[in-house]
């Protein structure tokens, strides 16, 4: 049986070494808090303005400001900064926290489309960091797709490396 990590690598096209290259550099120290806030704000502005109603509806139950804060706090924590997310909300538990949402291949690709645009329009993030972050995001998106499929099969979600903080 293929692990969730293996499925994520297969579906995303990103191997584990590239997916977790974020662990070899402290991106929080390199970029600073404001870069993560700007990235998340840029991202969710795109998400909440998306032309596709099916995609916007995934986020309809969340306030934009809360979504932005949750995302940048998770990114900060996962990319070498203080554990802001865990201090406020507990363990990230990505698969469990995304359980209520339809995390499909189509939704992952749409999410990644907006994240790539947000990265491209956040000038304070250097090209090397953008590449590392996008590899992590792409792998993680498809890790969540694999977790969603597992949820639909067994209703039981495993722990994941994606949620650990460094």
N, C-alpha and C. Protein backbone atom coordinates (compact mmCIF):
# COMPACT_ATOMS: atom_id res chain seq x y z
N UNK A 1 0.85 -1.19 0.00
CA UNK A 1 0.00 0.00 0.00
C UNK A 1 0.89 1.25 0.00
N UNK A 2 0.55 2.19 -0.83
CA UNK A 2 1.31 3.42 -0.97
C UNK A 2 1.01 4.36 0.20
N UNK A 3 2.05 4.95 0.79
CA UNK A 3 1.85 5.90 1.89
C UNK A 3 1.29 7.22 1.35
N UNK A 4 0.76 8.03 2.27
CA UNK A 4 0.26 9.35 1.86
C UNK A 4 1.39 10.20 1.29
N UNK A 5 2.57 10.10 1.86
CA UNK A 5 3.72 10.84 1.36
C UNK A 5 4.06 10.42 -0.07
N UNK A 6 4.04 9.10 -0.33
CA UNK A 6 4.34 8.59 -1.67
C UNK A 6 3.28 9.05 -2.68
N UNK A 7 2.01 9.00 -2.27
CA UNK A 7 0.94 9.49 -3.15
C UNK A 7 1.12 10.98 -3.43
N UNK A 8 1.45 11.72 -2.40
CA UNK A 8 1.64 13.17 -2.57
C UNK A 8 2.78 13.43 -3.55
N UNK A 9 3.87 12.70 -3.43
CA UNK A 9 4.98 12.88 -4.36
C UNK A 9 4.58 12.51 -5.79
N UNK A 10 3.88 11.40 -5.93
CA UNK A 10 3.44 10.96 -7.26
C UNK A 10 2.51 11.99 -7.89
N UNK A 11 1.49 12.41 -7.16
CA UNK A 11 0.47 13.31 -7.70
C UNK A 11 0.99 14.73 -7.90
N UNK A 12 1.88 15.17 -7.02
CA UNK A 12 2.38 16.54 -7.11
C UNK A 12 3.55 16.68 -8.07
N UNK A 13 4.26 15.57 -8.29
CA UNK A 13 5.47 15.64 -9.09
C UNK A 13 6.65 16.20 -8.32
N UNK A 14 6.52 16.30 -6.99
CA UNK A 14 7.58 16.86 -6.13
C UNK A 14 8.07 15.75 -5.20
N UNK A 15 9.36 15.40 -5.31
CA UNK A 15 9.87 14.36 -4.42
C UNK A 15 10.07 14.91 -3.00
N UNK A 16 10.23 14.01 -2.07
CA UNK A 16 10.31 14.42 -0.65
C UNK A 16 11.47 15.36 -0.37
N UNK A 17 12.61 15.15 -1.02
CA UNK A 17 13.76 16.02 -0.80
C UNK A 17 13.41 17.47 -1.17
N UNK A 18 12.77 17.65 -2.32
CA UNK A 18 12.39 19.00 -2.74
C UNK A 18 11.23 19.53 -1.90
N UNK A 19 10.29 18.67 -1.54
CA UNK A 19 9.14 19.11 -0.74
C UNK A 19 9.58 19.65 0.61
N UNK A 20 10.62 19.05 1.18
CA UNK A 20 11.04 19.45 2.51
C UNK A 20 12.37 20.21 2.51
N UNK A 21 12.71 20.79 1.37
CA UNK A 21 13.89 21.67 1.31
C UNK A 21 13.69 22.90 2.19
N UNK A 22 12.43 23.20 2.53
CA UNK A 22 12.17 24.30 3.46
C UNK A 22 12.83 24.06 4.82
N UNK A 23 13.13 22.80 5.12
CA UNK A 23 13.74 22.48 6.41
C UNK A 23 15.24 22.76 6.44
N UNK A 24 15.84 22.99 5.28
CA UNK A 24 17.29 23.22 5.23
C UNK A 24 17.63 24.70 5.38
N UNK A 25 16.63 25.55 5.33
CA UNK A 25 16.83 27.00 5.44
C UNK A 25 15.75 27.55 6.36
N UNK A 26 16.12 28.42 7.26
CA UNK A 26 15.10 29.04 8.09
C UNK A 26 14.49 30.20 7.29
N UNK A 27 13.38 29.90 6.63
CA UNK A 27 12.74 30.91 5.78
C UNK A 27 12.13 32.04 6.60
N UNK A 28 11.75 31.76 7.83
CA UNK A 28 11.24 32.84 8.68
C UNK A 28 12.34 33.86 8.95
N UNK A 29 13.53 33.39 9.30
CA UNK A 29 14.64 34.33 9.53
C UNK A 29 15.01 35.07 8.25
N UNK A 30 14.96 34.38 7.14
CA UNK A 30 15.33 34.99 5.86
C UNK A 30 14.32 36.05 5.44
N UNK A 31 13.03 35.76 5.61
CA UNK A 31 11.98 36.60 5.04
C UNK A 31 11.31 37.54 6.04
N UNK A 32 11.18 37.11 7.29
CA UNK A 32 10.50 37.92 8.30
C UNK A 32 8.99 37.73 8.29
N UNK A 33 8.40 38.10 9.38
CA UNK A 33 6.95 37.93 9.59
C UNK A 33 6.12 38.62 8.52
N UNK A 34 6.46 39.83 8.17
CA UNK A 34 5.63 40.60 7.25
C UNK A 34 5.50 39.93 5.88
N UNK A 35 6.54 39.25 5.43
CA UNK A 35 6.46 38.55 4.14
C UNK A 35 5.38 37.47 4.18
N UNK A 36 5.27 36.77 5.30
CA UNK A 36 4.25 35.71 5.43
C UNK A 36 2.85 36.32 5.53
N UNK A 37 2.74 37.42 6.24
CA UNK A 37 1.44 38.11 6.32
C UNK A 37 1.03 38.60 4.93
N UNK A 38 1.97 39.20 4.21
CA UNK A 38 1.67 39.70 2.86
C UNK A 38 1.29 38.56 1.92
N UNK A 39 2.02 37.45 1.99
CA UNK A 39 1.72 36.30 1.13
C UNK A 39 0.32 35.79 1.41
N UNK A 40 -0.02 35.60 2.67
CA UNK A 40 -1.34 35.06 3.02
C UNK A 40 -2.46 36.02 2.69
N UNK A 41 -2.22 37.30 2.88
CA UNK A 41 -3.23 38.31 2.52
C UNK A 41 -3.45 38.31 1.01
N UNK A 42 -2.37 38.30 0.27
CA UNK A 42 -2.44 38.26 -1.18
C UNK A 42 -3.18 37.00 -1.64
N UNK A 43 -2.81 35.86 -1.06
CA UNK A 43 -3.43 34.59 -1.42
C UNK A 43 -4.94 34.61 -1.18
N UNK A 44 -5.35 34.97 0.04
CA UNK A 44 -6.78 34.90 0.36
C UNK A 44 -7.59 35.98 -0.34
N UNK A 45 -6.97 37.09 -0.70
CA UNK A 45 -7.69 38.07 -1.52
C UNK A 45 -8.04 37.42 -2.85
N UNK A 46 -7.13 36.67 -3.42
CA UNK A 46 -7.39 35.96 -4.68
C UNK A 46 -8.44 34.87 -4.49
N UNK A 47 -8.34 34.11 -3.41
CA UNK A 47 -9.29 33.02 -3.16
C UNK A 47 -10.71 33.55 -3.01
N UNK A 48 -10.88 34.58 -2.19
CA UNK A 48 -12.23 35.10 -1.93
C UNK A 48 -12.80 35.85 -3.13
N UNK A 49 -11.94 36.24 -4.08
CA UNK A 49 -12.40 36.89 -5.32
C UNK A 49 -12.43 35.93 -6.50
N UNK A 50 -12.19 34.65 -6.27
CA UNK A 50 -12.11 33.67 -7.36
C UNK A 50 -13.37 33.68 -8.21
N UNK A 51 -13.20 33.53 -9.52
CA UNK A 51 -14.33 33.50 -10.45
C UNK A 51 -15.17 32.24 -10.32
N UNK A 52 -14.57 31.19 -9.81
CA UNK A 52 -15.25 29.90 -9.71
C UNK A 52 -16.02 29.78 -8.39
N UNK A 53 -17.33 29.73 -8.47
CA UNK A 53 -18.17 29.67 -7.27
C UNK A 53 -17.88 28.40 -6.47
N UNK A 54 -17.67 27.28 -7.14
CA UNK A 54 -17.42 26.01 -6.44
C UNK A 54 -16.19 26.14 -5.54
N UNK A 55 -15.18 26.89 -6.01
CA UNK A 55 -13.96 27.05 -5.22
C UNK A 55 -14.19 28.04 -4.08
N UNK A 56 -14.79 29.18 -4.38
CA UNK A 56 -15.08 30.17 -3.32
C UNK A 56 -15.92 29.55 -2.21
N UNK A 57 -16.85 28.67 -2.59
CA UNK A 57 -17.76 28.09 -1.60
C UNK A 57 -17.02 27.25 -0.55
N UNK A 58 -15.86 26.71 -0.90
CA UNK A 58 -15.08 25.93 0.06
C UNK A 58 -14.70 26.80 1.27
N UNK A 59 -14.51 28.09 1.04
CA UNK A 59 -14.03 29.01 2.06
C UNK A 59 -15.15 29.86 2.66
N UNK A 60 -16.37 29.65 2.22
CA UNK A 60 -17.49 30.50 2.61
C UNK A 60 -17.76 30.49 4.11
N UNK A 61 -17.42 29.42 4.79
CA UNK A 61 -17.67 29.33 6.22
C UNK A 61 -16.62 29.99 7.10
N UNK A 62 -15.62 30.57 6.48
CA UNK A 62 -14.53 31.21 7.23
C UNK A 62 -14.47 32.69 6.90
N UNK A 63 -14.16 33.47 7.93
CA UNK A 63 -13.92 34.89 7.69
C UNK A 63 -12.53 35.03 7.08
N UNK A 64 -12.42 35.91 6.10
CA UNK A 64 -11.16 36.10 5.39
C UNK A 64 -10.02 36.44 6.35
N UNK A 65 -10.27 37.31 7.31
CA UNK A 65 -9.22 37.71 8.26
C UNK A 65 -8.73 36.52 9.08
N UNK A 66 -9.66 35.63 9.46
CA UNK A 66 -9.26 34.44 10.22
C UNK A 66 -8.44 33.49 9.35
N UNK A 67 -8.86 33.33 8.10
CA UNK A 67 -8.13 32.45 7.18
C UNK A 67 -6.71 32.97 6.97
N UNK A 68 -6.57 34.26 6.80
CA UNK A 68 -5.25 34.87 6.61
C UNK A 68 -4.37 34.60 7.83
N UNK A 69 -4.91 34.86 9.02
CA UNK A 69 -4.12 34.66 10.24
C UNK A 69 -3.74 33.19 10.42
N UNK A 70 -4.69 32.29 10.22
CA UNK A 70 -4.38 30.87 10.37
C UNK A 70 -3.25 30.46 9.42
N UNK A 71 -3.34 30.93 8.18
CA UNK A 71 -2.35 30.53 7.19
C UNK A 71 -0.98 31.10 7.51
N UNK A 72 -0.88 32.40 7.76
CA UNK A 72 0.46 32.95 7.98
C UNK A 72 1.06 32.42 9.28
N UNK A 73 0.25 32.18 10.29
CA UNK A 73 0.80 31.62 11.53
C UNK A 73 1.31 30.20 11.30
N UNK A 74 0.59 29.41 10.51
CA UNK A 74 1.07 28.06 10.20
C UNK A 74 2.37 28.14 9.39
N UNK A 75 2.40 28.99 8.36
CA UNK A 75 3.60 29.11 7.54
C UNK A 75 4.79 29.55 8.37
N UNK A 76 4.61 30.54 9.22
CA UNK A 76 5.70 31.02 10.09
C UNK A 76 6.22 29.86 10.93
N UNK A 77 5.32 29.14 11.56
CA UNK A 77 5.70 28.04 12.44
C UNK A 77 6.41 26.94 11.65
N UNK A 78 5.87 26.58 10.50
CA UNK A 78 6.42 25.47 9.72
C UNK A 78 7.75 25.83 9.07
N UNK A 79 7.97 27.12 8.86
CA UNK A 79 9.18 27.54 8.14
C UNK A 79 10.21 28.20 9.03
N UNK A 80 10.23 27.80 10.30
CA UNK A 80 11.33 28.16 11.18
C UNK A 80 11.06 29.23 12.21
N UNK A 81 9.86 29.77 12.24
CA UNK A 81 9.56 30.83 13.19
C UNK A 81 8.93 30.30 14.47
N UNK A 82 8.46 31.21 15.30
CA UNK A 82 7.84 30.81 16.56
C UNK A 82 6.54 30.04 16.32
N UNK A 83 6.13 29.23 17.28
CA UNK A 83 4.94 28.39 17.12
C UNK A 83 3.63 29.16 17.30
N UNK A 84 3.44 30.19 16.51
CA UNK A 84 2.26 31.05 16.64
C UNK A 84 0.96 30.26 16.49
N UNK A 85 0.91 29.41 15.47
CA UNK A 85 -0.31 28.65 15.21
C UNK A 85 -0.63 27.71 16.37
N UNK A 86 0.34 26.94 16.80
CA UNK A 86 0.11 25.97 17.88
C UNK A 86 -0.25 26.66 19.18
N UNK A 87 0.35 27.81 19.45
CA UNK A 87 0.03 28.53 20.68
C UNK A 87 -1.42 28.98 20.70
N UNK A 88 -1.95 29.32 19.54
CA UNK A 88 -3.32 29.83 19.47
C UNK A 88 -4.35 28.73 19.22
N UNK A 89 -4.00 27.74 18.43
CA UNK A 89 -5.01 26.76 17.99
C UNK A 89 -4.68 25.32 18.31
N UNK A 90 -3.47 25.03 18.82
CA UNK A 90 -3.08 23.64 19.06
C UNK A 90 -2.35 23.07 17.86
N UNK A 91 -2.12 21.78 17.90
CA UNK A 91 -1.37 21.11 16.83
C UNK A 91 -2.03 21.36 15.48
N UNK A 92 -1.23 21.64 14.45
CA UNK A 92 -1.81 21.94 13.14
C UNK A 92 -2.69 20.83 12.57
N UNK A 93 -2.32 19.57 12.73
CA UNK A 93 -3.13 18.44 12.27
C UNK A 93 -3.82 18.74 10.94
N UNK A 94 -3.02 18.93 9.91
CA UNK A 94 -3.54 19.41 8.63
C UNK A 94 -4.68 18.57 8.07
N UNK A 95 -4.52 17.26 8.07
CA UNK A 95 -5.58 16.42 7.51
C UNK A 95 -6.86 16.58 8.32
N UNK A 96 -6.75 16.55 9.62
CA UNK A 96 -7.93 16.70 10.48
C UNK A 96 -8.60 18.06 10.31
N UNK A 97 -7.82 19.11 10.24
CA UNK A 97 -8.38 20.46 10.11
C UNK A 97 -9.01 20.68 8.74
N UNK A 98 -8.58 19.93 7.74
CA UNK A 98 -9.16 20.06 6.40
C UNK A 98 -10.25 19.03 6.13
N UNK A 99 -10.54 18.22 7.13
CA UNK A 99 -11.54 17.16 6.99
C UNK A 99 -12.90 17.66 6.49
N UNK A 100 -13.39 18.81 6.96
CA UNK A 100 -14.73 19.25 6.51
C UNK A 100 -14.79 19.71 5.04
N UNK A 101 -13.64 19.85 4.41
CA UNK A 101 -13.61 20.46 3.08
C UNK A 101 -13.37 19.41 2.00
N UNK A 102 -13.87 19.66 0.80
CA UNK A 102 -13.60 18.75 -0.32
C UNK A 102 -12.20 19.02 -0.87
N UNK A 103 -11.23 18.24 -0.44
CA UNK A 103 -9.85 18.43 -0.86
C UNK A 103 -9.58 17.47 -2.04
N UNK A 104 -9.99 17.90 -3.20
CA UNK A 104 -9.88 17.10 -4.42
C UNK A 104 -8.66 17.54 -5.23
N UNK A 105 -8.34 16.77 -6.25
CA UNK A 105 -7.26 17.17 -7.17
C UNK A 105 -7.57 18.54 -7.78
N UNK A 106 -8.82 18.73 -8.19
CA UNK A 106 -9.22 20.00 -8.81
C UNK A 106 -9.06 21.16 -7.82
N UNK A 107 -9.50 20.96 -6.58
CA UNK A 107 -9.38 22.01 -5.56
C UNK A 107 -7.91 22.29 -5.25
N UNK A 108 -7.09 21.25 -5.18
CA UNK A 108 -5.66 21.44 -4.91
C UNK A 108 -5.02 22.26 -6.03
N UNK A 109 -5.33 21.94 -7.27
CA UNK A 109 -4.75 22.69 -8.39
C UNK A 109 -5.20 24.15 -8.37
N UNK A 110 -6.46 24.38 -8.01
CA UNK A 110 -6.95 25.77 -7.96
C UNK A 110 -6.26 26.53 -6.82
N UNK A 111 -6.12 25.87 -5.67
CA UNK A 111 -5.43 26.46 -4.52
C UNK A 111 -3.99 26.81 -4.93
N UNK A 112 -3.33 25.88 -5.59
CA UNK A 112 -1.95 26.09 -6.01
C UNK A 112 -1.82 27.21 -7.04
N UNK A 113 -2.81 27.32 -7.91
CA UNK A 113 -2.83 28.42 -8.89
C UNK A 113 -2.79 29.77 -8.15
N UNK A 114 -3.65 29.91 -7.16
CA UNK A 114 -3.69 31.17 -6.41
C UNK A 114 -2.42 31.37 -5.59
N UNK A 115 -1.87 30.27 -5.04
CA UNK A 115 -0.64 30.41 -4.25
C UNK A 115 0.52 30.82 -5.14
N UNK A 116 0.60 30.25 -6.33
CA UNK A 116 1.68 30.64 -7.24
C UNK A 116 1.57 32.12 -7.60
N UNK A 117 0.36 32.58 -7.88
CA UNK A 117 0.16 34.00 -8.19
C UNK A 117 0.51 34.88 -6.98
N UNK A 118 0.12 34.43 -5.79
CA UNK A 118 0.44 35.20 -4.59
C UNK A 118 1.95 35.26 -4.37
N UNK A 119 2.63 34.14 -4.55
CA UNK A 119 4.09 34.15 -4.42
C UNK A 119 4.73 35.07 -5.45
N UNK A 120 4.25 34.98 -6.69
CA UNK A 120 4.82 35.79 -7.76
C UNK A 120 4.62 37.28 -7.53
N UNK A 121 3.58 37.64 -6.79
CA UNK A 121 3.32 39.07 -6.57
C UNK A 121 3.65 39.52 -5.14
N UNK A 122 4.50 38.75 -4.46
CA UNK A 122 4.99 39.14 -3.13
C UNK A 122 6.49 39.38 -3.30
N UNK A 123 6.88 40.63 -3.60
CA UNK A 123 8.26 40.92 -3.99
C UNK A 123 9.30 40.68 -2.90
N UNK A 124 8.91 40.69 -1.65
CA UNK A 124 9.90 40.51 -0.60
C UNK A 124 10.32 39.04 -0.42
N UNK A 125 9.72 38.14 -1.19
CA UNK A 125 10.13 36.73 -1.16
C UNK A 125 11.05 36.49 -2.35
N UNK A 126 12.28 36.10 -2.06
CA UNK A 126 13.29 35.89 -3.10
C UNK A 126 12.99 34.63 -3.92
N UNK A 127 13.55 34.53 -5.12
CA UNK A 127 13.25 33.39 -6.00
C UNK A 127 13.55 32.02 -5.39
N UNK A 128 14.67 31.86 -4.69
CA UNK A 128 15.00 30.58 -4.07
C UNK A 128 13.95 30.19 -3.03
N UNK A 129 13.54 31.15 -2.21
CA UNK A 129 12.51 30.87 -1.20
C UNK A 129 11.19 30.52 -1.87
N UNK A 130 10.84 31.23 -2.94
CA UNK A 130 9.60 30.94 -3.67
C UNK A 130 9.59 29.50 -4.18
N UNK A 131 10.72 29.07 -4.73
CA UNK A 131 10.81 27.70 -5.26
C UNK A 131 10.63 26.69 -4.13
N UNK A 132 11.35 26.88 -3.04
CA UNK A 132 11.24 25.97 -1.90
C UNK A 132 9.81 25.95 -1.35
N UNK A 133 9.23 27.12 -1.21
CA UNK A 133 7.87 27.20 -0.67
C UNK A 133 6.87 26.53 -1.61
N UNK A 134 6.99 26.79 -2.91
CA UNK A 134 6.02 26.22 -3.85
C UNK A 134 6.14 24.70 -3.90
N UNK A 135 7.35 24.17 -3.81
CA UNK A 135 7.51 22.71 -3.75
C UNK A 135 6.82 22.15 -2.51
N UNK A 136 7.01 22.81 -1.38
CA UNK A 136 6.34 22.38 -0.15
C UNK A 136 4.82 22.47 -0.30
N UNK A 137 4.33 23.60 -0.81
CA UNK A 137 2.89 23.79 -0.97
C UNK A 137 2.30 22.75 -1.92
N UNK A 138 2.98 22.49 -3.03
CA UNK A 138 2.46 21.54 -4.01
C UNK A 138 2.38 20.14 -3.40
N UNK A 139 3.44 19.73 -2.73
CA UNK A 139 3.45 18.41 -2.10
C UNK A 139 2.37 18.33 -1.01
N UNK A 140 2.29 19.37 -0.20
CA UNK A 140 1.32 19.39 0.89
C UNK A 140 -0.11 19.37 0.37
N UNK A 141 -0.38 20.10 -0.69
CA UNK A 141 -1.73 20.10 -1.26
C UNK A 141 -2.14 18.69 -1.65
N UNK A 142 -1.23 17.95 -2.27
CA UNK A 142 -1.59 16.59 -2.69
C UNK A 142 -1.50 15.59 -1.55
N UNK A 143 -0.76 15.92 -0.50
CA UNK A 143 -0.81 15.13 0.73
C UNK A 143 -2.22 15.23 1.32
N UNK A 144 -2.79 16.43 1.28
CA UNK A 144 -4.15 16.61 1.79
C UNK A 144 -5.18 15.92 0.89
N UNK A 145 -4.95 15.89 -0.41
CA UNK A 145 -5.83 15.14 -1.31
C UNK A 145 -5.79 13.66 -0.94
N UNK A 146 -4.59 13.13 -0.73
CA UNK A 146 -4.46 11.72 -0.34
C UNK A 146 -5.14 11.47 1.00
N UNK A 147 -4.99 12.42 1.94
CA UNK A 147 -5.67 12.29 3.23
C UNK A 147 -7.18 12.34 3.10
N UNK A 148 -7.67 13.16 2.18
CA UNK A 148 -9.11 13.24 1.94
C UNK A 148 -9.63 11.92 1.39
N UNK A 149 -8.87 11.31 0.50
CA UNK A 149 -9.28 10.01 -0.04
C UNK A 149 -9.27 8.95 1.05
N UNK A 150 -8.27 9.00 1.91
CA UNK A 150 -8.20 8.06 3.03
C UNK A 150 -9.39 8.28 3.96
N UNK A 151 -9.71 9.55 4.22
CA UNK A 151 -10.87 9.89 5.07
C UNK A 151 -12.13 9.26 4.50
N UNK A 152 -12.28 9.40 3.20
CA UNK A 152 -13.48 8.86 2.56
C UNK A 152 -13.51 7.34 2.59
N UNK A 153 -12.34 6.71 2.68
CA UNK A 153 -12.26 5.25 2.73
C UNK A 153 -12.42 4.72 4.15
N UNK A 154 -11.76 5.36 5.10
CA UNK A 154 -11.72 4.77 6.44
C UNK A 154 -12.14 5.70 7.56
N UNK A 155 -12.29 7.00 7.25
CA UNK A 155 -12.63 8.00 8.26
C UNK A 155 -11.59 8.08 9.38
N UNK A 156 -10.33 7.72 9.07
CA UNK A 156 -9.26 7.79 10.06
C UNK A 156 -8.07 8.49 9.42
N UNK A 157 -7.56 9.54 10.07
CA UNK A 157 -6.44 10.31 9.51
C UNK A 157 -5.17 10.08 10.29
N UNK A 158 -4.05 9.80 9.59
CA UNK A 158 -2.77 9.60 10.27
C UNK A 158 -2.08 10.91 10.60
N UNK A 159 -1.02 10.80 11.39
CA UNK A 159 -0.17 11.97 11.65
C UNK A 159 0.61 12.27 10.39
N UNK A 160 1.15 13.47 10.31
CA UNK A 160 1.88 13.84 9.10
C UNK A 160 3.08 14.72 9.41
N UNK A 161 4.12 14.56 8.60
CA UNK A 161 5.33 15.38 8.73
C UNK A 161 5.03 16.83 8.42
N UNK A 162 4.05 17.08 7.55
CA UNK A 162 3.74 18.44 7.13
C UNK A 162 3.35 19.33 8.30
N UNK A 163 2.81 18.75 9.35
CA UNK A 163 2.29 19.54 10.45
C UNK A 163 3.30 19.78 11.55
N UNK A 164 4.46 19.17 11.47
CA UNK A 164 5.42 19.34 12.54
C UNK A 164 6.08 20.70 12.44
N UNK A 165 6.50 21.20 13.56
CA UNK A 165 7.22 22.49 13.54
C UNK A 165 8.68 22.21 13.80
N UNK A 166 9.47 23.04 13.22
CA UNK A 166 10.93 22.90 13.39
C UNK A 166 11.39 23.83 14.47
